[in-house]
């Protein structure tokens, strides 16, 4: 595993983005772990998060000129990533994000930031994907506002779960829309790296927690 991936996984723990317990997901599934990127709320933390997205993007052979961050958590991610791409790699890339409701005064519209049109080559940035519902909403929105070419989707962590059927949410997006979904890390990488790892004097992922995740994945994993 590349070093930046290991650093990113430790960042998820240190920032308390990754938690273990009992959580109800947007999909309605009861899950023994949760990734809450809303807990990234300091300047240093969001700068670090943007750096990991930028490092992953820099390693992909993608032709894009706009980063799109779906409201709400995708907004700071897209901004932080565009800054990191500029500072770390010298790439000056536009960003855009949507409002939840269209503005009927001032500049108006649903989008803020870069103007998106049919010539735009967009990478959608978001936090996680479970069933893929939120991503489908973003794709529908973009198709009605500018109808750009969506080059790819980049998320922080692929939970490696079923979508609306028996295939993974990632596979369904590829099949339905012809769009590749990339992730900085996936769940296998997270669990294999954290199992038995001690941070700040405490084992992050012990046998019991791993067993609960394994049971959950028997029902929902792919």
Protein backbone atom coordinates (compact mmCIF):
# COMPACT_ATOMS: atom_id res chain seq x y z
CA UNK A 1 0.00 0.00 0.00
CA UNK A 2 1.29 3.46 -0.91
CA UNK A 3 2.45 5.60 1.99
CA UNK A 4 -0.08 8.36 1.38
CA UNK A 5 -2.87 5.79 1.75
CA UNK A 6 -1.49 4.69 5.13
CA UNK A 7 -1.19 8.32 6.20
CA UNK A 8 -4.76 8.93 5.07
CA UNK A 9 -6.12 5.99 7.07
CA UNK A 10 -4.35 7.26 10.18
CA UNK A 11 -5.76 10.73 9.44
CA UNK A 12 -9.28 9.22 9.46
CA UNK A 13 -8.64 7.87 12.95
CA UNK A 14 -6.86 10.92 14.37
CA UNK A 15 -9.57 13.27 13.04
CA UNK A 16 -12.29 11.01 14.47
CA UNK A 17 -13.82 10.69 11.02
CA UNK A 18 -13.76 6.90 11.38
CA UNK A 19 -15.79 5.59 14.30
CA UNK A 20 -16.83 2.13 15.48
CA UNK A 21 -20.17 1.37 17.14
CA UNK A 22 -23.78 1.12 15.91
CA UNK A 23 -24.86 3.52 13.17
CA UNK A 24 -27.83 3.83 10.84
CA UNK A 25 -26.68 4.84 7.37
CA UNK A 26 -28.56 6.95 4.81
CA UNK A 27 -29.38 3.68 3.06
CA UNK A 28 -31.11 2.45 6.25
CA UNK A 29 -28.47 -0.19 6.89
CA UNK A 30 -27.27 -0.70 10.47
CA UNK A 31 -23.50 -0.60 10.34
CA UNK A 32 -20.73 -1.22 12.93
CA UNK A 33 -18.57 1.59 11.60
CA UNK A 34 -19.13 5.09 10.29
CA UNK A 35 -17.19 7.67 8.31
CA UNK A 36 -18.27 11.21 9.14
CA UNK A 37 -16.32 13.82 7.20
CA UNK A 38 -18.34 16.51 8.94
CA UNK A 39 -15.83 16.07 11.76
CA UNK A 40 -13.15 17.64 9.55
CA UNK A 41 -13.72 21.23 10.62
CA UNK A 42 -10.37 22.93 11.23
CA UNK A 43 -8.16 24.68 8.72
CA UNK A 44 -5.34 22.20 9.21
CA UNK A 45 -7.59 19.15 8.91
CA UNK A 46 -9.38 20.28 5.74
CA UNK A 47 -6.03 21.24 4.19
CA UNK A 48 -4.71 17.76 4.94
CA UNK A 49 -7.83 16.13 3.55
CA UNK A 50 -7.53 18.12 0.34
CA UNK A 51 -3.91 17.02 0.03
CA UNK A 52 -4.91 13.33 0.05
CA UNK A 53 -7.54 13.88 -2.64
CA UNK A 54 -4.95 15.79 -4.69
CA UNK A 55 -2.36 13.03 -4.29
CA UNK A 56 -4.84 10.43 -5.48
CA UNK A 57 -6.00 12.59 -8.42
CA UNK A 58 -2.41 13.26 -9.42
CA UNK A 59 -1.82 9.53 -9.75
CA UNK A 60 -4.78 9.04 -12.10
CA UNK A 61 -4.61 9.66 -15.84
CA UNK A 62 -7.69 11.87 -16.07
CA UNK A 63 -8.38 14.78 -18.41
CA UNK A 64 -10.48 17.23 -16.38
CA UNK A 65 -10.79 20.96 -15.77
CA UNK A 66 -13.46 21.27 -13.06
CA UNK A 67 -13.85 19.69 -9.63
CA UNK A 68 -17.49 19.43 -8.59
CA UNK A 69 -18.41 19.12 -4.91
CA UNK A 70 -22.00 18.10 -4.16
CA UNK A 71 -23.63 19.99 -1.29
CA UNK A 72 -22.83 19.81 1.47
CA UNK A 73 -19.76 17.77 2.37
CA UNK A 74 -18.41 17.83 -1.18
CA UNK A 75 -18.13 21.63 -1.06
CA UNK A 76 -15.12 21.97 1.28
CA UNK A 77 -13.56 18.88 -0.28
CA UNK A 78 -13.62 20.40 -3.77
CA UNK A 79 -12.20 23.72 -2.55
CA UNK A 80 -9.46 22.10 -0.44
CA UNK A 81 -8.51 19.76 -3.28
CA UNK A 82 -8.22 22.55 -5.83
CA UNK A 83 -5.93 24.46 -3.45
CA UNK A 84 -3.83 21.35 -2.81
CA UNK A 85 -3.50 20.61 -6.53
CA UNK A 86 -2.20 24.14 -7.05
CA UNK A 87 0.19 24.14 -4.10
CA UNK A 88 1.47 20.57 -4.36
CA UNK A 89 1.44 19.95 -8.11
CA UNK A 90 1.08 23.35 -9.82
CA UNK A 91 -2.29 22.53 -11.35
CA UNK A 92 -4.79 25.39 -11.41
CA UNK A 93 -8.18 23.66 -11.61
CA UNK A 94 -11.61 25.27 -11.29
CA UNK A 95 -14.15 24.12 -8.75
CA UNK A 96 -17.93 24.28 -8.63
CA UNK A 97 -20.63 23.20 -6.22
CA UNK A 98 -24.40 23.23 -6.00
CA UNK A 99 -26.94 24.86 -3.78
CA UNK A 100 -29.68 22.72 -2.30
CA UNK A 101 -32.21 25.24 -3.63
CA UNK A 102 -31.92 27.47 -6.66
CA UNK A 103 -31.22 31.15 -5.98
CA UNK A 104 -33.71 33.52 -7.65
CA UNK A 105 -31.75 36.75 -7.16
CA UNK A 106 -28.22 38.00 -7.80
CA UNK A 107 -26.43 35.62 -10.13
CA UNK A 108 -29.18 33.05 -9.54
CA UNK A 109 -29.10 29.38 -10.40
CA UNK A 110 -28.15 26.16 -8.66
CA UNK A 111 -24.37 26.23 -9.14
CA UNK A 112 -21.68 28.34 -7.52
CA UNK A 113 -18.14 28.70 -8.83
CA UNK A 114 -16.95 27.67 -12.27
CA UNK A 115 -19.52 27.88 -15.06
CA UNK A 116 -20.31 24.38 -16.24
CA UNK A 117 -21.33 23.61 -19.81
CA UNK A 118 -21.13 20.83 -22.36
CA UNK A 119 -17.40 21.48 -22.84
CA UNK A 120 -16.61 21.05 -19.13
CA UNK A 121 -14.74 17.93 -18.07
CA UNK A 122 -15.81 17.28 -14.51
CA UNK A 123 -14.54 15.10 -11.70
CA UNK A 124 -17.08 14.73 -8.90
CA UNK A 125 -15.54 14.70 -5.42
CA UNK A 126 -17.45 13.33 -2.45
CA UNK A 127 -16.80 11.58 0.84
CA UNK A 128 -18.18 8.02 0.70
CA UNK A 129 -20.55 5.89 -1.31
CA UNK A 130 -22.83 3.27 0.18
CA UNK A 131 -25.74 2.56 -2.17
CA UNK A 132 -24.80 5.32 -4.61
CA UNK A 133 -28.03 7.28 -4.14
CA UNK A 134 -26.36 10.66 -3.52
CA UNK A 135 -24.10 10.27 -6.54
CA UNK A 136 -27.05 9.54 -8.80
CA UNK A 137 -28.66 12.74 -7.56
CA UNK A 138 -25.50 14.68 -8.48
CA UNK A 139 -25.34 13.13 -11.94
CA UNK A 140 -29.00 13.99 -12.55
CA UNK A 141 -28.40 17.55 -11.39
CA UNK A 142 -25.39 18.04 -13.66
CA UNK A 143 -27.25 16.62 -16.65
CA UNK A 144 -29.86 19.36 -16.25
CA UNK A 145 -27.42 22.18 -15.43
CA UNK A 146 -24.83 22.48 -18.19
CA UNK A 147 -24.73 18.77 -19.07
CA UNK A 148 -20.92 18.46 -18.80
CA UNK A 149 -18.80 15.41 -19.53
CA UNK A 150 -18.34 13.69 -16.16
CA UNK A 151 -14.90 12.16 -16.42
CA UNK A 152 -14.87 10.28 -13.12
CA UNK A 153 -15.90 10.27 -9.49
CA UNK A 154 -13.41 10.30 -6.62
CA UNK A 155 -14.49 9.42 -3.09
CA UNK A 156 -12.48 9.12 0.10
CA UNK A 157 -13.38 5.52 0.88
CA UNK A 158 -15.10 2.78 -1.08
CA UNK A 159 -17.23 0.92 1.46
CA UNK A 160 -17.36 -2.01 -1.00
CA UNK A 161 -21.08 -2.54 -0.53
CA UNK A 162 -24.00 -3.59 -2.66
CA UNK A 163 -25.87 -0.82 -4.40
CA UNK A 164 -29.55 -1.22 -5.26
CA UNK A 165 -29.03 -4.83 -6.36
CA UNK A 166 -26.41 -7.51 -5.86
CA UNK A 167 -23.62 -5.61 -7.60
CA UNK A 168 -21.45 -3.05 -5.87
CA UNK A 169 -22.60 0.56 -5.94
CA UNK A 170 -19.40 1.38 -7.83
CA UNK A 171 -20.13 -1.27 -10.47
CA UNK A 172 -23.71 -0.06 -10.86
CA UNK A 173 -22.56 3.51 -11.51
CA UNK A 174 -20.11 2.24 -14.13
CA UNK A 175 -22.82 0.11 -15.75
CA UNK A 176 -25.59 2.74 -15.66
CA UNK A 177 -23.60 5.86 -16.50
CA UNK A 178 -20.30 4.65 -17.98
CA UNK A 179 -18.36 6.53 -15.28
CA UNK A 180 -15.44 5.17 -13.28
CA UNK A 181 -15.47 5.65 -9.52
CA UNK A 182 -12.10 5.87 -7.79
CA UNK A 183 -11.33 6.02 -4.08
CA UNK A 184 -8.37 7.09 -2.01
CA UNK A 185 -8.74 3.85 -0.05
CA UNK A 186 -11.23 1.02 0.15
CA UNK A 187 -12.59 -0.85 3.17
CA UNK A 188 -10.24 -3.80 2.70
CA UNK A 189 -7.26 -1.46 2.86
CA UNK A 190 -8.64 0.30 5.93
CA UNK A 191 -9.34 -2.86 7.91
CA UNK A 192 -6.14 -4.67 6.94
CA UNK A 193 -4.01 -1.67 7.90
CA UNK A 194 -5.81 -0.84 11.14
CA UNK A 195 -6.30 -4.38 12.48
CA UNK A 196 -4.02 -4.61 15.49
CA UNK A 197 -2.49 -1.17 14.86
CA UNK A 198 -1.85 0.83 18.03
CA UNK A 199 -2.24 4.61 17.89
CA UNK A 200 -1.86 6.80 20.97
CA UNK A 201 -1.60 3.73 23.17
CA UNK A 202 -4.80 2.08 21.96
CA UNK A 203 -5.51 -0.64 19.40
CA UNK A 204 -7.70 0.97 16.77
CA UNK A 205 -9.34 -2.13 15.33
CA UNK A 206 -9.36 -5.17 17.59
CA UNK A 207 -10.63 -8.67 16.81
CA UNK A 208 -14.14 -7.96 18.11
CA UNK A 209 -14.64 -4.85 16.00
CA UNK A 210 -13.25 -6.59 12.94
CA UNK A 211 -15.59 -9.55 13.48
CA UNK A 212 -18.60 -7.21 13.55
CA UNK A 213 -17.52 -5.58 10.30
CA UNK A 214 -17.01 -9.02 8.75
CA UNK A 215 -20.56 -10.05 9.72
CA UNK A 216 -21.99 -6.85 8.28
CA UNK A 217 -20.14 -7.43 5.02
CA UNK A 218 -21.58 -10.93 4.72
CA UNK A 219 -24.97 -9.29 4.20
CA UNK A 220 -24.09 -6.08 2.38
CA UNK A 221 -20.54 -6.43 1.11
CA UNK A 222 -19.29 -7.41 -2.33
